[in-house]
Protein backbone atom coordinates (compact mmCIF):
# COMPACT_ATOMS: atom_id res chain seq x y z
CA MET A 1 0.12 0.57 -0.22
CA ASP A 2 1.34 3.36 -0.83
CA GLN A 3 1.77 6.37 1.46
CA GLN A 4 -1.10 8.37 -0.13
CA ALA A 5 -3.86 5.33 -0.76
CA GLY A 6 -2.93 4.38 3.48
CA SER A 7 -3.54 7.83 4.28
CA GLY A 8 -6.77 7.95 2.36
CA ARG A 9 -8.05 4.89 3.74
CA PHE A 10 -6.87 6.04 7.52
CA ASP A 11 -8.76 9.44 6.90
CA ALA A 12 -11.96 7.46 5.80
CA LEU A 13 -11.75 5.04 8.93
CA GLU A 14 -10.82 7.95 10.97
CA LEU A 15 -13.93 9.93 9.32
CA ARG A 16 -16.29 7.19 9.92
CA ARG A 17 -15.24 6.50 13.62
CA GLN A 18 -16.52 10.46 14.03
CA GLN A 19 -19.22 10.61 12.56
CA PHE A 20 -20.67 7.02 14.17
CA PHE A 21 -20.02 8.75 17.61
CA THR A 22 -22.00 11.84 16.81
CA GLN A 23 -25.14 10.11 17.14
CA SER A 24 -26.27 8.73 20.72
CA CYS A 25 -26.29 4.48 21.45
CA HIS A 26 -26.76 2.47 24.34
CA TRP A 27 -23.96 0.11 24.99
CA LEU A 28 -23.64 -2.74 27.10
CA LEU A 29 -20.45 -3.41 29.07
CA THR A 30 -19.38 -6.41 31.26
CA GLY A 31 -16.05 -6.37 33.20
CA GLY A 32 -16.81 -2.18 33.24
CA SER A 33 -15.10 -1.61 36.64
CA GLY A 34 -11.77 -3.01 35.39
CA PHE A 35 -8.75 -1.01 33.88
CA LEU A 36 -9.86 -1.43 30.28
CA GLY A 37 -13.61 -0.99 31.05
CA GLN A 38 -13.25 1.98 33.65
CA ALA A 39 -11.28 3.64 30.53
CA LEU A 40 -13.76 2.44 27.68
CA VAL A 41 -16.86 4.04 30.16
CA HIS A 42 -15.31 7.32 30.31
CA ARG A 43 -14.62 7.34 26.48
CA LEU A 44 -18.29 6.51 25.97
CA LEU A 45 -19.84 8.90 28.31
CA ASP A 46 -17.39 11.67 26.86
CA ALA A 47 -18.85 11.07 23.28
CA GLU A 48 -22.43 11.46 25.02
CA GLN A 49 -23.02 7.97 24.68
CA GLN A 50 -25.80 5.77 26.93
CA VAL A 51 -23.67 3.24 29.32
CA SER A 52 -25.17 0.35 30.97
CA VAL A 53 -23.16 -2.06 33.02
CA TRP A 54 -23.33 -5.64 34.00
CA SER A 55 -22.20 -6.03 37.45
CA ARG A 56 -22.33 -8.03 40.75
CA ASN A 57 -21.45 -4.78 42.46
CA PRO A 58 -24.43 -2.35 41.25
CA ALA A 59 -23.71 -0.26 44.09
CA GLY A 60 -19.97 0.32 43.79
CA THR A 61 -19.96 0.73 40.18
CA GLU A 62 -22.60 3.61 40.08
CA ARG A 63 -20.22 5.12 42.72
CA LEU A 64 -17.12 4.81 40.49
CA PHE A 65 -19.17 6.34 37.54
CA GLY A 66 -20.44 8.91 39.65
CA GLY A 67 -23.94 7.73 38.59
CA ARG A 68 -23.82 8.49 35.18
CA VAL A 69 -24.25 4.57 34.07
CA SER A 70 -27.25 2.40 34.35
CA VAL A 71 -26.03 -0.97 36.13
CA PHE A 72 -27.43 -4.26 36.54
CA ARG A 73 -26.91 -7.21 38.80
CA THR A 74 -28.90 -9.64 36.50
CA LEU A 75 -29.05 -8.86 32.73
CA ASP A 76 -32.94 -9.79 32.99
CA ASP A 77 -33.23 -6.59 34.71
CA LEU A 78 -32.54 -5.20 31.39
CA PRO A 79 -35.67 -4.92 29.84
CA ASP A 80 -36.25 -6.11 26.06
CA THR A 81 -38.05 -3.09 25.44
CA VAL A 82 -35.15 -0.84 25.68
CA PRO A 83 -32.99 -0.83 22.43
CA LEU A 84 -29.31 -1.69 22.62
CA HIS A 85 -26.89 -0.68 19.99
CA GLY A 86 -23.81 -3.20 20.95
CA ILE A 87 -22.00 -5.08 23.78
CA ILE A 88 -18.60 -4.80 24.89
CA ASN A 89 -17.83 -8.29 26.91
CA LEU A 90 -14.58 -7.61 28.91
CA ALA A 91 -15.19 -9.50 31.97
CA GLY A 92 -12.57 -11.60 33.22
CA ALA A 93 -10.50 -12.41 36.62
CA PRO A 94 -6.96 -11.21 36.23
CA ILE A 95 -4.93 -13.88 34.65
CA ALA A 96 -1.76 -12.89 36.55
CA GLY A 97 -2.87 -13.64 40.09
CA GLY A 98 -0.62 -16.50 41.45
CA ARG A 99 -0.09 -20.08 40.29
CA TRP A 100 -2.47 -21.52 38.12
CA SER A 101 -3.56 -24.06 40.57
CA PRO A 102 -6.76 -26.31 39.47
CA ALA A 103 -8.88 -24.08 41.59
CA ARG A 104 -7.47 -20.63 39.74
CA GLN A 105 -7.62 -22.23 36.14
CA GLN A 106 -11.51 -23.08 36.81
CA LEU A 107 -11.91 -19.33 38.23
CA LEU A 108 -10.39 -18.09 35.43
CA ARG A 109 -12.53 -20.47 32.87
CA ASP A 110 -15.64 -19.10 34.74
CA SER A 111 -15.24 -15.56 34.66
CA ARG A 112 -14.39 -15.61 31.43
CA ILE A 113 -16.43 -18.56 29.10
CA ALA A 114 -19.08 -19.29 32.02
CA LEU A 115 -20.02 -15.37 32.01
CA THR A 116 -19.74 -15.35 28.25
CA ASP A 117 -22.56 -18.20 28.08
CA THR A 118 -24.63 -16.38 30.34
CA LEU A 119 -24.35 -13.18 28.30
CA LEU A 120 -25.24 -15.34 25.05
CA ALA A 121 -27.70 -17.29 26.46
CA TRP A 122 -29.54 -13.98 27.69
CA LEU A 123 -29.06 -12.64 24.21
CA SER A 124 -30.73 -15.60 22.47
CA ARG A 125 -33.92 -14.94 24.77
CA ARG A 126 -33.93 -10.79 23.77
CA THR A 127 -36.74 -10.02 21.06
CA GLN A 128 -34.69 -6.77 20.58
CA ARG A 129 -30.50 -7.88 19.85
CA PRO A 130 -27.59 -5.43 19.06
CA GLU A 131 -25.78 -4.78 15.94
CA VAL A 132 -22.64 -5.71 17.11
CA LEU A 133 -20.61 -7.80 19.70
CA LEU A 134 -17.23 -7.18 20.85
CA SER A 135 -15.57 -9.91 23.19
CA GLY A 136 -12.30 -9.86 24.96
CA SER A 137 -9.71 -12.21 24.23
CA ALA A 138 -6.19 -12.05 24.82
CA ILE A 139 -2.53 -12.71 22.66
CA GLY A 140 -2.56 -16.00 24.94
CA PHE A 141 -4.44 -17.51 22.35
CA TYR A 142 -1.19 -18.29 20.14
CA GLY A 143 0.63 -20.55 22.75
CA VAL A 144 4.34 -20.15 23.26
CA HIS A 145 6.49 -19.08 20.19
CA GLY A 146 9.84 -17.82 19.95
CA ASP A 147 10.69 -15.40 17.44
CA GLU A 148 7.75 -16.06 14.86
CA GLU A 149 5.77 -12.98 13.78
CA LEU A 150 2.13 -14.16 14.50
CA ASP A 151 -1.31 -12.52 13.00
CA GLU A 152 -4.63 -12.99 13.23
CA GLN A 153 -4.09 -16.44 11.06
CA GLN A 154 -1.92 -18.45 13.29
CA PRO A 155 -3.48 -21.39 15.01
CA GLY A 156 -3.72 -21.91 18.91
CA GLN A 157 -1.86 -24.83 20.90
CA ASP A 158 -2.97 -27.33 23.29
CA ILE A 159 -1.57 -25.46 26.74
CA PHE A 160 -3.99 -23.76 29.43
CA MET A 161 -3.45 -20.07 28.59
CA SER A 162 -3.95 -21.06 24.81
CA THR A 163 -7.22 -22.82 25.56
CA LEU A 164 -8.60 -20.67 27.83
CA CYS A 165 -8.46 -18.03 25.13
CA GLN A 166 -9.67 -20.49 22.31
CA ASP A 167 -12.74 -21.32 24.49
CA TRP A 168 -13.70 -18.43 25.38
CA GLU A 169 -13.60 -16.93 21.57
CA ARG A 170 -15.80 -20.33 20.88
CA SER A 171 -18.42 -19.31 23.29
CA ALA A 172 -18.52 -15.74 21.92
CA GLU A 173 -19.09 -17.23 18.67
CA LYS A 174 -22.62 -18.10 19.21
CA ALA A 175 -23.43 -14.37 18.82
CA THR A 176 -23.07 -14.92 14.66
CA ARG A 177 -26.26 -17.53 15.00
CA LEU A 178 -27.85 -14.98 16.56
CA GLY A 179 -27.45 -12.23 13.60
CA VAL A 180 -25.22 -10.44 15.70
CA ARG A 181 -21.76 -8.85 14.66
CA LEU A 182 -18.50 -10.41 16.34
CA ALA A 183 -15.32 -8.73 16.60
CA LEU A 184 -12.63 -10.61 19.11
CA LEU A 185 -10.35 -8.85 20.72
CA ARG A 186 -7.15 -10.65 21.01
CA THR A 187 -5.41 -7.93 23.49
CA GLY A 188 -1.55 -7.44 24.33
CA LEU A 189 0.22 -6.13 27.57
CA VAL A 190 -2.18 -2.69 27.66
CA LEU A 191 -0.14 0.44 28.71
CA GLY A 192 -1.50 2.71 31.00
CA ASN A 193 -1.10 4.82 34.10
CA ALA A 194 -4.30 4.10 35.82
CA GLY A 195 -3.97 0.38 36.22
CA GLY A 196 -2.63 -2.54 34.05
CA ALA A 197 0.56 -4.13 34.48
CA LEU A 198 2.72 -0.98 33.71
CA PRO A 199 2.67 0.68 37.18
CA ALA A 200 4.37 -2.60 38.47
CA MET A 201 6.70 -3.46 35.86
CA LEU A 202 8.07 0.20 36.18
CA LYS A 203 8.19 0.26 40.30
CA PRO A 204 11.70 -1.77 40.32
CA PHE A 205 13.16 0.57 37.48
CA ARG A 206 12.09 3.66 39.98
CA PHE A 207 13.97 2.22 42.80
CA GLY A 208 17.18 1.80 40.85
CA ILE A 209 16.88 -1.75 40.39
CA GLY A 210 15.21 -2.57 37.18
CA GLY A 211 16.57 -5.05 34.60
CA ARG A 212 15.34 -7.56 31.76
CA THR A 213 13.49 -11.19 32.83
CA GLY A 214 15.09 -14.52 32.43
CA SER A 215 17.06 -14.35 29.31
CA GLY A 216 15.16 -10.68 28.19
CA ARG A 217 15.05 -12.41 24.59
CA GLN A 218 11.47 -12.96 24.80
CA TRP A 219 9.18 -10.84 22.80
CA LEU A 220 6.70 -8.59 24.25
CA SER A 221 3.80 -7.05 22.21
CA TRP A 222 2.26 -4.14 24.01
CA ILE A 223 -0.41 -1.63 22.96
CA HIS A 224 -0.92 2.08 24.46
CA LEU A 225 -4.32 2.25 26.22
CA GLU A 226 -5.23 4.93 23.51
CA ASP A 227 -4.79 3.20 20.79
CA TRP A 228 -6.53 0.25 22.69
CA LEU A 229 -9.91 2.85 22.65
CA GLY A 230 -9.07 3.72 19.46
CA ILE A 231 -9.12 0.52 17.79
CA VAL A 232 -12.38 -0.35 20.00
CA GLU A 233 -13.88 2.93 18.68
CA THR A 234 -13.05 1.62 14.90
CA LEU A 235 -14.43 -1.88 15.67
CA LEU A 236 -17.68 -0.41 16.84
CA ALA A 237 -18.21 2.04 14.00
CA THR A 238 -17.14 -0.43 10.86
CA PRO A 239 -20.03 -2.59 9.84
CA GLU A 240 -17.85 -4.86 7.95
CA ALA A 241 -15.45 -5.51 10.76
CA SER A 242 -15.63 -9.32 12.35
CA GLY A 243 -13.63 -12.09 13.53
CA PRO A 244 -10.16 -11.61 15.17
CA TYR A 245 -8.01 -8.72 15.66
CA ASN A 246 -4.88 -8.40 17.43
CA LEU A 247 -4.75 -5.32 19.72
CA THR A 248 -0.97 -4.60 19.98
CA ALA A 249 1.36 -1.97 18.49
CA PRO A 250 3.22 -2.94 15.15
CA GLU A 251 6.75 -2.51 16.87
CA PRO A 252 6.81 -5.18 19.79
CA VAL A 253 9.95 -5.52 21.46
CA ILE A 254 12.09 -8.04 23.30
CA ASN A 255 12.11 -7.89 26.91
CA ALA A 256 15.71 -6.62 27.32
CA GLU A 257 14.98 -4.05 24.91
CA PHE A 258 11.80 -2.93 26.89
CA ALA A 259 13.89 -2.68 30.45
CA ARG A 260 16.56 -0.50 28.55
CA THR A 261 13.83 1.99 27.05
CA ALA A 262 12.06 1.97 30.47
CA GLY A 263 15.20 2.89 32.36
CA GLN A 264 16.40 5.53 29.92
CA VAL A 265 12.87 7.25 29.80
CA LEU A 266 12.72 7.40 33.76
CA GLY A 267 16.39 7.93 33.70
CA ARG A 268 17.13 4.87 36.09
CA PRO A 269 19.88 2.31 35.41
CA ALA A 270 18.30 -0.97 34.12
CA TRP A 271 20.90 -3.76 35.22
CA LEU A 272 19.62 -6.03 37.48
CA PRO A 273 18.31 -9.22 35.98
CA LEU A 274 15.56 -11.17 37.00
CA PRO A 275 16.51 -14.55 37.10
CA ALA A 276 13.92 -17.48 35.52
CA TRP A 277 13.95 -19.61 37.87
CA PRO A 278 12.49 -18.09 40.93
CA LEU A 279 9.56 -17.47 38.64
CA LYS A 280 9.34 -21.09 37.47
CA LEU A 281 9.29 -21.77 41.26
CA ALA A 282 6.43 -19.14 42.37
CA LEU A 283 4.08 -19.23 39.75
CA GLY A 284 4.81 -22.76 37.79
CA GLU A 285 3.04 -22.41 34.10
CA MET A 286 2.33 -18.77 34.89
CA ALA A 287 5.73 -18.09 34.26
CA ASP A 288 5.12 -18.81 30.74
CA LEU A 289 3.91 -15.65 30.40
CA LEU A 290 6.79 -13.60 31.58
CA LEU A 291 9.67 -15.51 30.26
CA THR A 292 8.31 -16.90 26.84
CA GLY A 293 6.14 -14.17 25.25
CA GLN A 294 4.74 -13.81 21.76
CA ARG A 295 5.49 -11.41 18.92
CA VAL A 296 2.51 -10.40 17.84
CA LEU A 297 1.40 -8.03 14.74
CA PRO A 298 -1.91 -6.37 14.37
CA ARG A 299 -1.81 -6.83 10.61
CA ARG A 300 -6.31 -6.72 10.14
CA MET A 301 -5.94 -3.23 11.69
CA GLN A 302 -3.47 -2.15 9.54
CA SER A 303 -4.96 -3.82 6.39
CA MET A 304 -8.02 -1.55 7.75
CA GLY A 305 -6.33 1.82 7.62
CA TYR A 306 -5.78 2.18 10.97
CA ARG A 307 -2.83 4.64 12.16
CA PHE A 308 -1.55 3.94 15.43
CA ARG A 309 -0.69 7.02 17.81
CA TYR A 310 1.76 5.07 19.30
CA PRO A 311 3.41 2.57 17.27
CA ALA A 312 7.11 2.90 19.56
CA LEU A 313 7.56 1.62 22.97
CA ARG A 314 9.86 4.70 23.48
CA ALA A 315 7.29 7.93 22.74
CA ALA A 316 4.30 5.39 24.24
CA LEU A 317 6.45 5.46 27.49
CA GLU A 318 7.15 9.00 27.36
CA HIS A 319 3.77 9.87 26.71
CA LEU A 320 2.42 7.99 29.50
CA LEU A 321 5.45 9.07 32.21
CA ARG A 322 5.72 12.87 31.05
CA ASP A 323 3.64 14.18 33.59
CA GLN A 324 4.29 12.14 36.43
CA GLU A 325 6.33 13.61 39.30
CA PRO A 326 9.91 11.97 40.00
CA PRO A 327 9.62 9.47 42.69
CA GLN A 328 10.77 10.51 45.61
CA PRO A 329 13.82 8.98 47.80
């Protein structure tokens, strides 16, 4: 694609997104109180959209958003007579919460797959159905790889992190049989200040004891929160967008490069490596998330013409950290 054609596709895509959000639509979210969910709810509210949230803690969720959203403890509390334009399904217990014991694995499955099953069963009973469902997934879908570049055509593997995502997506695919457009959000490491993994990842660097993890050669597929939100908005506004999409920046880095860049941006050394063996001992199979990684590329979003605001790690970290006060000794 030449530069002029690429710019034209981006301009058309951006215009469609802007025009789409000039009309007020009704969106239902699951996982609305999480890191990504909160950011998306605020973005939709800022665009004067109507937002409902399915939550186990209605009172807390209402307080979280200052009473600006409708909150439902059960989906059946949302009347069938209330028009619903789309659903964004982001619910799921944090993947990094300790060793993947059988009980922990079941919790991760129930909070994703069982919840999505419940959502789709409710949707099948609903007379008025939404036009679109965006359903969460993760780049863990691809399993364990080395330097191989991975796009949306790559199949999954027979390991827990991959089968978890495969089954999660398979549950959401029931939406297509109901006439609902489905896009699957295979999300990488989302970088933001208000939550997610970045604050914890940067803490050792702030104290001058940061460094690579394990060999440092494993790939880290990341995305700035602003681009994650931009892609979600684009997928909501694009009627032909369906199937899996990698929500990652086009320039993944190896872990050692992340450590060097984080240290340089923070003005701190990045000299102390974290060996692999303590992680394997403490976390078991979950250590693969930190020690193997995936080199994932967002080829479908690039083919659509989406232009990343933060394609490179240094610019992303500089943007996120530029307004923060320096840490106190």
